Amino acid sequence: MIHSAGTYLRADVEVNDLPRGLGARHTAAAAITAVSSSVAIAISESTKRISVFREGKRVMNA
């Protein structure tokens, strides 16, 4: 069963150190990893680059 699609995940944490030009998808990925023990992957729609986030920080950009 699908509970939600296209939903913005909000974490009660401010993400300030992301490079300029990264949008809501990357901010949500950074925020969710800052408040949980998880890894998040975000793919840029415009550049098709892959970013991996852990502990609120971008740890890989390919």
N, C-alpha and C. Protein backbone atom coordinates (compact mmCIF):
# COMPACT_ATOMS: atom_id res chain seq x y z
N MET A 1 0.83 -1.16 0.00
CA MET A 1 0.00 0.00 0.00
C MET A 1 0.89 1.24 0.00
N ILE A 2 0.59 2.18 -0.85
CA ILE A 2 1.33 3.45 -0.89
C ILE A 2 0.63 4.43 0.04
N HIS A 3 1.40 4.96 0.99
CA HIS A 3 0.84 5.92 1.94
C HIS A 3 0.98 7.35 1.45
N SER A 4 2.05 7.61 0.70
CA SER A 4 2.28 8.97 0.24
C SER A 4 3.24 8.96 -0.94
N ALA A 5 3.08 9.90 -1.83
CA ALA A 5 4.00 10.05 -2.96
C ALA A 5 4.22 11.53 -3.20
N GLY A 6 5.43 11.89 -3.55
CA GLY A 6 5.74 13.29 -3.82
C GLY A 6 5.64 14.17 -2.59
N THR A 7 5.93 13.60 -1.45
CA THR A 7 5.80 14.31 -0.18
C THR A 7 7.13 14.91 0.23
N TYR A 8 7.11 16.14 0.71
CA TYR A 8 8.30 16.76 1.27
C TYR A 8 8.49 16.26 2.69
N LEU A 9 9.67 15.71 2.96
CA LEU A 9 9.99 15.28 4.31
C LEU A 9 10.62 16.45 5.05
N ARG A 10 10.08 16.78 6.18
CA ARG A 10 10.62 17.89 6.97
C ARG A 10 11.20 17.35 8.27
N ALA A 11 12.40 17.74 8.54
CA ALA A 11 13.03 17.41 9.81
C ALA A 11 13.26 18.72 10.55
N ASP A 12 13.16 18.68 11.84
CA ASP A 12 13.32 19.89 12.63
C ASP A 12 14.80 20.22 12.81
N VAL A 13 15.48 20.40 11.70
CA VAL A 13 16.90 20.72 11.72
C VAL A 13 17.17 21.65 10.53
N GLU A 14 18.03 22.61 10.74
CA GLU A 14 18.37 23.54 9.68
C GLU A 14 19.65 23.07 8.98
N VAL A 15 19.60 23.01 7.68
CA VAL A 15 20.75 22.59 6.89
C VAL A 15 21.31 23.82 6.19
N ASN A 16 22.50 24.27 6.61
CA ASN A 16 23.06 25.51 6.08
C ASN A 16 24.28 25.31 5.21
N ASP A 17 24.95 24.21 5.32
CA ASP A 17 26.24 24.08 4.65
C ASP A 17 26.20 23.33 3.32
N LEU A 18 25.04 23.30 2.67
CA LEU A 18 24.96 22.68 1.35
C LEU A 18 25.46 23.67 0.30
N PRO A 19 26.12 23.16 -0.72
CA PRO A 19 26.57 24.05 -1.80
C PRO A 19 25.39 24.76 -2.47
N ARG A 20 25.66 25.91 -2.98
CA ARG A 20 24.64 26.71 -3.67
C ARG A 20 24.12 25.94 -4.88
N GLY A 21 22.83 26.02 -5.11
CA GLY A 21 22.24 25.38 -6.28
C GLY A 21 21.55 24.06 -5.99
N LEU A 22 21.76 23.51 -4.79
CA LEU A 22 21.06 22.27 -4.44
C LEU A 22 19.69 22.63 -3.88
N GLY A 23 18.69 21.87 -4.28
CA GLY A 23 17.32 22.23 -3.93
C GLY A 23 16.71 21.42 -2.81
N ALA A 24 15.39 21.33 -2.85
CA ALA A 24 14.61 20.71 -1.78
C ALA A 24 14.94 19.23 -1.60
N ARG A 25 15.18 18.53 -2.68
CA ARG A 25 15.50 17.10 -2.60
C ARG A 25 16.78 16.87 -1.80
N HIS A 26 17.80 17.68 -2.07
CA HIS A 26 19.08 17.54 -1.37
C HIS A 26 18.97 18.00 0.08
N THR A 27 18.21 19.07 0.30
CA THR A 27 18.01 19.56 1.67
C THR A 27 17.29 18.53 2.51
N ALA A 28 16.27 17.88 1.95
CA ALA A 28 15.53 16.84 2.67
C ALA A 28 16.43 15.65 2.96
N ALA A 29 17.27 15.27 2.00
CA ALA A 29 18.19 14.15 2.19
C ALA A 29 19.17 14.44 3.32
N ALA A 30 19.73 15.65 3.33
CA ALA A 30 20.65 16.04 4.40
C ALA A 30 19.95 16.08 5.75
N ALA A 31 18.76 16.64 5.78
CA ALA A 31 18.03 16.80 7.04
C ALA A 31 17.63 15.45 7.65
N ILE A 32 17.14 14.54 6.84
CA ILE A 32 16.68 13.26 7.38
C ILE A 32 17.84 12.45 7.93
N THR A 33 19.03 12.59 7.32
CA THR A 33 20.19 11.87 7.84
C THR A 33 20.76 12.54 9.09
N ALA A 34 20.44 13.82 9.28
CA ALA A 34 20.91 14.52 10.47
C ALA A 34 20.14 14.09 11.72
N VAL A 35 18.90 13.64 11.54
CA VAL A 35 18.07 13.30 12.69
C VAL A 35 17.81 11.80 12.84
N SER A 36 18.43 11.00 11.97
CA SER A 36 18.26 9.54 12.07
C SER A 36 19.57 8.87 11.67
N SER A 37 19.68 7.61 11.99
CA SER A 37 20.89 6.89 11.56
C SER A 37 20.59 6.26 10.20
N SER A 38 20.74 7.08 9.18
CA SER A 38 20.41 6.64 7.82
C SER A 38 21.39 7.24 6.83
N VAL A 39 21.30 6.74 5.62
CA VAL A 39 22.04 7.28 4.48
C VAL A 39 20.99 7.64 3.45
N ALA A 40 21.14 8.78 2.79
CA ALA A 40 20.18 9.20 1.77
C ALA A 40 20.92 9.49 0.47
N ILE A 41 20.26 9.18 -0.62
CA ILE A 41 20.81 9.41 -1.95
C ILE A 41 19.88 10.36 -2.68
N ALA A 42 20.45 11.43 -3.24
CA ALA A 42 19.66 12.39 -4.02
C ALA A 42 20.28 12.51 -5.40
N ILE A 43 19.45 12.52 -6.42
CA ILE A 43 19.91 12.67 -7.79
C ILE A 43 19.39 14.00 -8.32
N SER A 44 20.32 14.82 -8.79
CA SER A 44 19.96 16.13 -9.32
C SER A 44 19.19 15.97 -10.62
N GLU A 45 18.06 16.63 -10.69
CA GLU A 45 17.25 16.56 -11.90
C GLU A 45 17.94 17.27 -13.06
N SER A 46 18.62 18.37 -12.77
CA SER A 46 19.23 19.16 -13.85
C SER A 46 20.58 18.62 -14.31
N THR A 47 21.42 18.18 -13.38
CA THR A 47 22.77 17.73 -13.76
C THR A 47 22.92 16.21 -13.79
N LYS A 48 21.94 15.50 -13.24
CA LYS A 48 21.97 14.03 -13.14
C LYS A 48 23.10 13.52 -12.24
N ARG A 49 23.67 14.39 -11.41
CA ARG A 49 24.73 13.99 -10.48
C ARG A 49 24.10 13.37 -9.24
N ILE A 50 24.82 12.42 -8.66
CA ILE A 50 24.35 11.69 -7.49
C ILE A 50 25.06 12.22 -6.26
N SER A 51 24.31 12.52 -5.22
CA SER A 51 24.86 12.94 -3.93
C SER A 51 24.44 11.96 -2.86
N VAL A 52 25.37 11.60 -1.99
CA VAL A 52 25.08 10.71 -0.87
C VAL A 52 25.26 11.52 0.41
N PHE A 53 24.29 11.40 1.32
CA PHE A 53 24.30 12.15 2.57
C PHE A 53 24.34 11.20 3.75
N ARG A 54 25.08 11.61 4.78
CA ARG A 54 25.17 10.85 6.03
C ARG A 54 25.44 11.84 7.16
N GLU A 55 24.72 11.71 8.25
CA GLU A 55 24.85 12.59 9.42
C GLU A 55 24.70 14.06 9.04
N GLY A 56 23.82 14.33 8.10
CA GLY A 56 23.51 15.71 7.70
C GLY A 56 24.51 16.34 6.75
N LYS A 57 25.49 15.59 6.29
CA LYS A 57 26.53 16.12 5.42
C LYS A 57 26.58 15.34 4.11
N ARG A 58 26.97 16.02 3.04
CA ARG A 58 27.17 15.33 1.77
C ARG A 58 28.53 14.64 1.82
N VAL A 59 28.54 13.32 1.70
CA VAL A 59 29.77 12.56 1.83
C VAL A 59 30.28 12.06 0.48
N MET A 60 29.46 12.17 -0.55
CA MET A 60 29.91 11.76 -1.88
C MET A 60 29.11 12.52 -2.93
N ASN A 61 29.80 12.91 -3.98
CA ASN A 61 29.18 13.60 -5.10
C ASN A 61 29.76 13.01 -6.37
N ALA A 62 28.95 12.33 -7.14
CA ALA A 62 29.45 11.68 -8.36
C ALA A 62 28.66 12.07 -9.58
